[in-house]
Amino acid sequence: MTDQTSILLVVLLAAVVAALFVYNRRQKQRFEDERAERRRKLEQIKADARRKQQASETDGT
């Protein structure tokens, strides 16, 4: 293998590693965003349920 070929392989390998790192970071961020959205929706559902329960308790007395 010539020096040029070795250098080219190292550069290509570094580019692949960098691309995988960026892809992994984006996927992780997307996952975290979706997780936060699900938590917000769940908290909203819980708050709505509490309001309905409190409203029905005040109507019943």
N, C-alpha and C. Protein backbone atom coordinates (compact mmCIF):
# COMPACT_ATOMS: atom_id res chain seq x y z
N MET A 1 0.85 -1.18 0.00
CA MET A 1 0.00 0.00 0.00
C MET A 1 0.90 1.24 0.00
N THR A 2 0.55 2.19 -0.79
CA THR A 2 1.35 3.41 -0.83
C THR A 2 0.93 4.35 0.28
N ASP A 3 1.76 5.34 0.51
CA ASP A 3 1.46 6.33 1.55
C ASP A 3 0.17 7.08 1.21
N GLN A 4 -0.03 7.38 -0.05
CA GLN A 4 -1.24 8.10 -0.45
C GLN A 4 -2.49 7.27 -0.17
N THR A 5 -2.42 5.99 -0.46
CA THR A 5 -3.57 5.12 -0.21
C THR A 5 -3.85 5.02 1.28
N SER A 6 -2.81 4.91 2.07
CA SER A 6 -2.98 4.83 3.52
C SER A 6 -3.62 6.10 4.06
N ILE A 7 -3.14 7.23 3.59
CA ILE A 7 -3.69 8.51 4.04
C ILE A 7 -5.15 8.63 3.62
N LEU A 8 -5.45 8.24 2.40
CA LEU A 8 -6.83 8.30 1.91
C LEU A 8 -7.74 7.41 2.75
N LEU A 9 -7.30 6.22 3.08
CA LEU A 9 -8.11 5.33 3.91
C LEU A 9 -8.34 5.92 5.30
N VAL A 10 -7.33 6.52 5.88
CA VAL A 10 -7.47 7.13 7.20
C VAL A 10 -8.45 8.29 7.14
N VAL A 11 -8.36 9.11 6.11
CA VAL A 11 -9.26 10.24 5.96
C VAL A 11 -10.69 9.76 5.76
N LEU A 12 -10.88 8.75 4.93
CA LEU A 12 -12.21 8.20 4.71
C LEU A 12 -12.78 7.60 6.00
N LEU A 13 -11.96 6.89 6.74
CA LEU A 13 -12.41 6.31 8.00
C LEU A 13 -12.79 7.41 8.99
N ALA A 14 -12.00 8.47 9.05
CA ALA A 14 -12.33 9.59 9.93
C ALA A 14 -13.64 10.24 9.51
N ALA A 15 -13.87 10.37 8.21
CA ALA A 15 -15.12 10.96 7.72
C ALA A 15 -16.31 10.09 8.08
N VAL A 16 -16.17 8.78 7.97
CA VAL A 16 -17.26 7.87 8.33
C VAL A 16 -17.56 7.96 9.82
N VAL A 17 -16.52 7.98 10.64
CA VAL A 17 -16.72 8.10 12.09
C VAL A 17 -17.41 9.42 12.43
N ALA A 18 -16.98 10.50 11.80
CA ALA A 18 -17.59 11.81 12.05
C ALA A 18 -19.06 11.81 11.62
N ALA A 19 -19.35 11.21 10.48
CA ALA A 19 -20.74 11.15 9.99
C ALA A 19 -21.61 10.33 10.94
N LEU A 20 -21.09 9.22 11.42
CA LEU A 20 -21.85 8.41 12.37
C LEU A 20 -22.08 9.15 13.68
N PHE A 21 -21.09 9.90 14.12
CA PHE A 21 -21.23 10.68 15.34
C PHE A 21 -22.34 11.73 15.20
N VAL A 22 -22.33 12.44 14.08
CA VAL A 22 -23.35 13.46 13.84
C VAL A 22 -24.73 12.82 13.74
N TYR A 23 -24.83 11.72 13.03
CA TYR A 23 -26.11 11.01 12.89
C TYR A 23 -26.63 10.56 14.25
N ASN A 24 -25.74 9.99 15.06
CA ASN A 24 -26.13 9.52 16.39
C ASN A 24 -26.60 10.68 17.26
N ARG A 25 -25.92 11.80 17.18
CA ARG A 25 -26.30 12.96 17.97
C ARG A 25 -27.67 13.48 17.56
N ARG A 26 -27.93 13.51 16.26
CA ARG A 26 -29.25 13.97 15.77
C ARG A 26 -30.35 13.02 16.20
N GLN A 27 -30.10 11.72 16.11
CA GLN A 27 -31.10 10.73 16.52
C GLN A 27 -31.39 10.86 18.01
N LYS A 28 -30.35 11.06 18.80
CA LYS A 28 -30.53 11.20 20.24
C LYS A 28 -31.34 12.45 20.55
N GLN A 29 -31.06 13.54 19.87
CA GLN A 29 -31.80 14.78 20.10
C GLN A 29 -33.26 14.61 19.71
N ARG A 30 -33.51 13.94 18.59
CA ARG A 30 -34.89 13.70 18.16
C ARG A 30 -35.63 12.84 19.18
N PHE A 31 -34.96 11.82 19.68
CA PHE A 31 -35.56 10.95 20.70
C PHE A 31 -35.89 11.75 21.95
N GLU A 32 -34.96 12.60 22.39
CA GLU A 32 -35.19 13.40 23.59
C GLU A 32 -36.34 14.39 23.38
N ASP A 33 -36.43 14.98 22.20
CA ASP A 33 -37.53 15.90 21.90
C ASP A 33 -38.88 15.18 21.92
N GLU A 34 -38.92 13.99 21.32
CA GLU A 34 -40.17 13.22 21.31
C GLU A 34 -40.54 12.79 22.72
N ARG A 35 -39.56 12.43 23.50
CA ARG A 35 -39.81 12.02 24.89
C ARG A 35 -40.36 13.18 25.70
N ALA A 36 -39.78 14.36 25.53
CA ALA A 36 -40.27 15.54 26.24
C ALA A 36 -41.70 15.87 25.81
N GLU A 37 -41.99 15.72 24.53
CA GLU A 37 -43.35 15.99 24.03
C GLU A 37 -44.36 15.01 24.65
N ARG A 38 -43.98 13.74 24.72
CA ARG A 38 -44.87 12.75 25.35
C ARG A 38 -45.11 13.09 26.82
N ARG A 39 -44.06 13.53 27.50
CA ARG A 39 -44.22 13.92 28.91
C ARG A 39 -45.15 15.12 29.06
N ARG A 40 -45.00 16.10 28.17
CA ARG A 40 -45.88 17.27 28.21
C ARG A 40 -47.33 16.86 27.98
N LYS A 41 -47.56 15.99 27.02
CA LYS A 41 -48.92 15.53 26.74
C LYS A 41 -49.49 14.77 27.93
N LEU A 42 -48.68 13.93 28.55
CA LEU A 42 -49.14 13.18 29.71
C LEU A 42 -49.48 14.11 30.87
N GLU A 43 -48.64 15.12 31.09
CA GLU A 43 -48.93 16.08 32.15
C GLU A 43 -50.21 16.86 31.85
N GLN A 44 -50.44 17.17 30.58
CA GLN A 44 -51.67 17.87 30.18
C GLN A 44 -52.89 16.99 30.44
N ILE A 45 -52.78 15.72 30.10
CA ILE A 45 -53.89 14.78 30.34
C ILE A 45 -54.16 14.66 31.83
N LYS A 46 -53.10 14.57 32.63
CA LYS A 46 -53.28 14.48 34.09
C LYS A 46 -53.94 15.74 34.64
N ALA A 47 -53.50 16.89 34.15
CA ALA A 47 -54.08 18.15 34.63
C ALA A 47 -55.55 18.25 34.24
N ASP A 48 -55.89 17.84 33.02
CA ASP A 48 -57.29 17.84 32.60
C ASP A 48 -58.13 16.90 33.46
N ALA A 49 -57.58 15.74 33.76
CA ALA A 49 -58.31 14.77 34.59
C ALA A 49 -58.53 15.33 35.99
N ARG A 50 -57.50 15.99 36.54
CA ARG A 50 -57.65 16.59 37.88
C ARG A 50 -58.72 17.68 37.87
N ARG A 51 -58.72 18.51 36.82
CA ARG A 51 -59.73 19.56 36.73
C ARG A 51 -61.13 18.97 36.63
N LYS A 52 -61.29 17.95 35.82
CA LYS A 52 -62.60 17.32 35.69
C LYS A 52 -63.04 16.69 37.00
N GLN A 53 -62.10 16.06 37.69
CA GLN A 53 -62.45 15.42 38.96
C GLN A 53 -62.84 16.47 39.99
N GLN A 54 -62.09 17.56 40.04
CA GLN A 54 -62.41 18.63 40.99
C GLN A 54 -63.75 19.26 40.64
N ALA A 55 -64.02 19.42 39.36
CA ALA A 55 -65.30 20.01 38.94
C ALA A 55 -66.46 19.09 39.32
N SER A 56 -66.28 17.80 39.14
CA SER A 56 -67.36 16.87 39.48
C SER A 56 -67.54 16.79 41.00
N GLU A 57 -66.47 16.95 41.75
CA GLU A 57 -66.58 16.93 43.21
C GLU A 57 -67.31 18.17 43.72
N THR A 58 -67.04 19.31 43.11
CA THR A 58 -67.72 20.54 43.54
C THR A 58 -69.18 20.55 43.09
N ASP A 59 -69.47 19.92 41.95
CA ASP A 59 -70.86 19.84 41.49
C ASP A 59 -71.68 18.88 42.35
N GLY A 60 -71.03 17.87 42.88
CA GLY A 60 -71.73 16.86 43.65
C GLY A 60 -72.06 17.29 45.06
N THR A 61 -71.42 18.32 45.56
CA THR A 61 -71.68 18.73 46.95
C THR A 61 -72.62 19.89 47.03
